[in-house]
Protein backbone atom coordinates (compact mmCIF):
# COMPACT_ATOMS: atom_id res chain seq x y z
CA UNK A 1 -177.78 -75.67 -127.08
CA UNK A 2 -178.61 -75.90 -130.68
CA UNK A 3 -176.13 -77.48 -133.13
CA UNK A 4 -174.91 -75.13 -134.53
CA UNK A 5 -173.76 -73.62 -131.65
CA UNK A 6 -172.19 -77.27 -130.12
CA UNK A 7 -170.52 -77.01 -133.27
CA UNK A 8 -168.56 -73.28 -132.93
CA UNK A 9 -167.98 -74.54 -129.29
CA UNK A 10 -166.21 -78.38 -130.15
CA UNK A 11 -163.39 -76.60 -131.87
CA UNK A 12 -162.17 -74.48 -128.86
CA UNK A 13 -162.83 -77.43 -126.83
CA UNK A 14 -160.56 -79.78 -128.70
CA UNK A 15 -157.66 -76.66 -129.06
CA UNK A 16 -157.56 -76.14 -124.85
CA UNK A 17 -157.58 -79.68 -124.21
CA UNK A 18 -154.46 -79.97 -127.02
CA UNK A 19 -152.99 -76.78 -125.46
CA UNK A 20 -154.14 -77.14 -121.18
CA UNK A 21 -153.10 -80.73 -121.42
CA UNK A 22 -149.47 -81.43 -121.63
CA UNK A 23 -149.53 -77.84 -119.29
CA UNK A 24 -151.67 -79.18 -117.56
CA UNK A 25 -150.47 -83.13 -117.15
CA UNK A 26 -146.66 -83.97 -117.20
CA UNK A 27 -144.29 -84.46 -119.43
CA UNK A 28 -143.53 -87.58 -121.22
CA UNK A 29 -139.52 -88.11 -120.34
CA UNK A 30 -137.98 -89.50 -123.44
CA UNK A 31 -134.38 -90.17 -121.27
CA UNK A 32 -132.70 -89.48 -117.82
CA UNK A 33 -129.00 -90.02 -116.04
CA UNK A 34 -128.48 -90.66 -112.86
CA UNK A 35 -125.24 -89.42 -110.62
CA UNK A 36 -123.85 -89.71 -107.51
CA UNK A 37 -124.48 -91.97 -104.18
CA UNK A 38 -126.36 -92.48 -101.25
CA UNK A 39 -125.01 -89.86 -98.40
CA UNK A 40 -123.95 -87.91 -101.11
CA UNK A 41 -125.06 -85.63 -103.27
CA UNK A 42 -127.50 -87.16 -105.73
CA UNK A 43 -128.05 -85.55 -108.70
CA UNK A 44 -130.82 -86.80 -111.71
CA UNK A 45 -131.50 -85.67 -114.55
CA UNK A 46 -134.90 -85.90 -116.81
CA UNK A 47 -135.11 -85.26 -120.34
CA UNK A 48 -137.46 -84.65 -122.72
CA UNK A 49 -136.78 -85.36 -126.58
CA UNK A 50 -138.60 -85.46 -129.39
CA UNK A 51 -137.64 -87.54 -132.79
CA UNK A 52 -138.77 -87.27 -136.23
CA UNK A 53 -137.61 -89.85 -139.12
CA UNK A 54 -135.31 -88.47 -141.44
CA UNK A 55 -135.43 -88.37 -144.86
CA UNK A 56 -132.14 -89.97 -144.62
CA UNK A 57 -130.42 -92.05 -143.10
CA UNK A 58 -131.78 -92.06 -139.33
CA UNK A 59 -133.58 -90.40 -137.66
CA UNK A 60 -134.00 -86.36 -136.64
CA UNK A 61 -133.74 -85.32 -132.67
CA UNK A 62 -134.19 -82.54 -131.07
CA UNK A 63 -133.77 -82.04 -126.80
CA UNK A 64 -137.05 -79.79 -125.59
CA UNK A 65 -136.42 -78.99 -121.91
CA UNK A 66 -134.17 -80.64 -119.22
CA UNK A 67 -135.02 -81.06 -115.71
CA UNK A 68 -131.80 -81.64 -112.70
CA UNK A 69 -132.82 -83.54 -109.88
CA UNK A 70 -130.91 -82.35 -106.59
CA UNK A 71 -130.61 -84.02 -102.87
CA UNK A 72 -128.05 -82.24 -101.86
CA UNK A 73 -128.12 -83.85 -98.02
CA UNK A 74 -130.51 -85.68 -96.85
CA UNK A 75 -131.99 -83.28 -95.62
CA UNK A 76 -133.60 -80.35 -96.06
CA UNK A 77 -135.74 -79.04 -99.48
CA UNK A 78 -134.74 -80.85 -103.06
CA UNK A 79 -133.64 -78.18 -105.21
CA UNK A 80 -135.15 -78.33 -109.13
CA UNK A 81 -134.00 -76.81 -112.68
CA UNK A 82 -135.98 -77.10 -115.39
CA UNK A 83 -134.32 -75.83 -118.63
CA UNK A 84 -136.24 -75.09 -121.91
CA UNK A 85 -134.52 -75.51 -125.36
CA UNK A 86 -136.48 -73.40 -127.79
CA UNK A 87 -135.30 -70.17 -129.59
CA UNK A 88 -133.08 -69.59 -126.67
CA UNK A 89 -132.90 -70.87 -122.54
CA UNK A 90 -134.80 -70.29 -120.15
CA UNK A 91 -133.71 -71.94 -116.66
CA UNK A 92 -136.24 -71.77 -113.75
CA UNK A 93 -135.21 -72.74 -110.64
CA UNK A 94 -137.58 -74.29 -108.33
CA UNK A 95 -137.18 -76.50 -104.60
CA UNK A 96 -139.90 -79.29 -103.65
CA UNK A 97 -139.80 -80.71 -100.43
CA UNK A 98 -137.75 -83.88 -99.03
CA UNK A 99 -141.00 -86.27 -99.05
CA UNK A 100 -141.35 -85.42 -102.69
CA UNK A 101 -138.23 -87.17 -103.57
CA UNK A 102 -139.55 -89.88 -104.64
CA UNK A 103 -142.37 -89.15 -107.79
CA UNK A 104 -139.26 -86.43 -108.93
CA UNK A 105 -136.75 -89.22 -109.64
CA UNK A 106 -139.69 -91.55 -110.74
CA UNK A 107 -140.08 -88.17 -113.38
CA UNK A 108 -143.68 -87.10 -111.84
CA UNK A 109 -144.77 -83.64 -111.00
CA UNK A 110 -145.23 -82.62 -107.98
CA UNK A 111 -145.83 -78.95 -106.44
CA UNK A 112 -142.61 -76.84 -106.63
CA UNK A 113 -141.88 -73.42 -105.32
CA UNK A 114 -139.64 -71.01 -108.39
CA UNK A 115 -137.31 -69.05 -106.26
CA UNK A 116 -134.95 -67.67 -109.54
CA UNK A 117 -135.52 -67.63 -112.90
CA UNK A 118 -133.83 -65.98 -116.37
CA UNK A 119 -134.08 -66.17 -119.88
CA UNK A 120 -131.08 -66.33 -122.91
CA UNK A 121 -133.00 -65.48 -126.01
CA UNK A 122 -131.50 -65.77 -129.89
CA UNK A 123 -130.86 -63.22 -132.86
CA UNK A 124 -131.80 -66.85 -134.51
CA UNK A 125 -133.05 -70.71 -134.46
CA UNK A 126 -130.62 -71.42 -137.36
CA UNK A 127 -126.39 -71.26 -138.02
CA UNK A 128 -124.75 -69.32 -135.11
CA UNK A 129 -126.74 -67.99 -132.77
CA UNK A 130 -126.05 -64.30 -130.97
CA UNK A 131 -127.95 -63.02 -127.90
CA UNK A 132 -130.48 -60.87 -128.10
CA UNK A 133 -129.89 -59.13 -125.17
CA UNK A 134 -126.51 -57.90 -124.70
CA UNK A 135 -126.76 -57.73 -120.90
CA UNK A 136 -124.43 -60.17 -119.32
CA UNK A 137 -124.80 -63.15 -117.38
CA UNK A 138 -124.19 -62.68 -113.50
CA UNK A 139 -122.14 -65.69 -111.66
CA UNK A 140 -124.99 -68.31 -110.81
CA UNK A 141 -126.11 -67.72 -114.29
CA UNK A 142 -123.23 -68.30 -115.66
CA UNK A 143 -122.98 -71.72 -113.42
CA UNK A 144 -126.39 -72.91 -114.37
CA UNK A 145 -125.58 -71.88 -118.04
CA UNK A 146 -122.65 -74.37 -117.71
CA UNK A 147 -123.84 -77.09 -115.89
CA UNK A 148 -126.86 -77.47 -118.81
CA UNK A 149 -123.68 -77.75 -121.24
CA UNK A 150 -121.96 -80.85 -119.49
CA UNK A 151 -125.55 -82.41 -118.89
CA UNK A 152 -126.39 -82.09 -122.53
CA UNK A 153 -123.05 -83.81 -123.07
CA UNK A 154 -124.09 -86.58 -120.83
CA UNK A 155 -124.68 -90.23 -122.14
CA UNK A 156 -128.71 -91.08 -121.28
CA UNK A 157 -130.87 -94.11 -121.35
CA UNK A 158 -133.83 -94.08 -122.60
CA UNK A 159 -137.21 -94.63 -120.77
CA UNK A 160 -140.14 -96.82 -120.83
CA UNK A 161 -143.50 -95.98 -121.21
CA UNK A 162 -146.27 -97.73 -118.88
CA UNK A 163 -147.18 -99.45 -122.64
CA UNK A 164 -143.49 -100.92 -123.03
CA UNK A 165 -142.76 -98.73 -125.82
CA UNK A 166 -140.83 -95.10 -125.43
CA UNK A 167 -143.43 -92.13 -125.01
CA UNK A 168 -143.09 -89.73 -127.80
CA UNK A 169 -139.93 -91.15 -129.36
CA UNK A 170 -137.98 -94.35 -130.64
CA UNK A 171 -135.06 -95.61 -128.93
CA UNK A 172 -131.92 -95.21 -130.47
CA UNK A 173 -129.81 -97.86 -131.36
C-alpha cells in the first residue's frame, strides 16, 4: 500500500472506531437504582447520563438511555427494557437467560433476545413536544412509558468506574 492510500483510509478507520466501538463495547452506565428483595420481584435500573459544565452555576445533565432489568421470579428469563431518549422515546423489550442475571446487574452486556419495540417520535426537541405519529399507544406501550416516567423520577446513585472516578460523568453534589 502506498503512503497516499494509507492516508486516505486512516480517516475512515478512525470514523469506524468512533462509531462502532461504543456499540460493540457496551454502555458506560453512570447511575443506578436497585429495588426489591430476595424472593420477590427484583428490579435494577441503569442510567446513561451525560454531563457538561454549565457556563452558569453548575452542570448540565442529560439522560440518554435507561435500562430496566426485572427478575420477576426465581426461575425463567429476565426481562430487560431499554429506553432510548433522543428526539423522542424508543422502547426495546428483550429477554435474557437467567444465568445472565449477575452480569446484567453488574452493568455488563449479555446476549439479549428482542421481543418487541416501539417508538414515540417528537416533532421538536425544544419546548413543548407533540407526537409525530398520531397513532395511539396500546395498553402495554402506555405501561412502558408510565414505567419510564417513574424510573426517571427515582433518586439514583452514581456508579464508580474501575479507575475510581465516574465514567464520563462528574459526581452530582
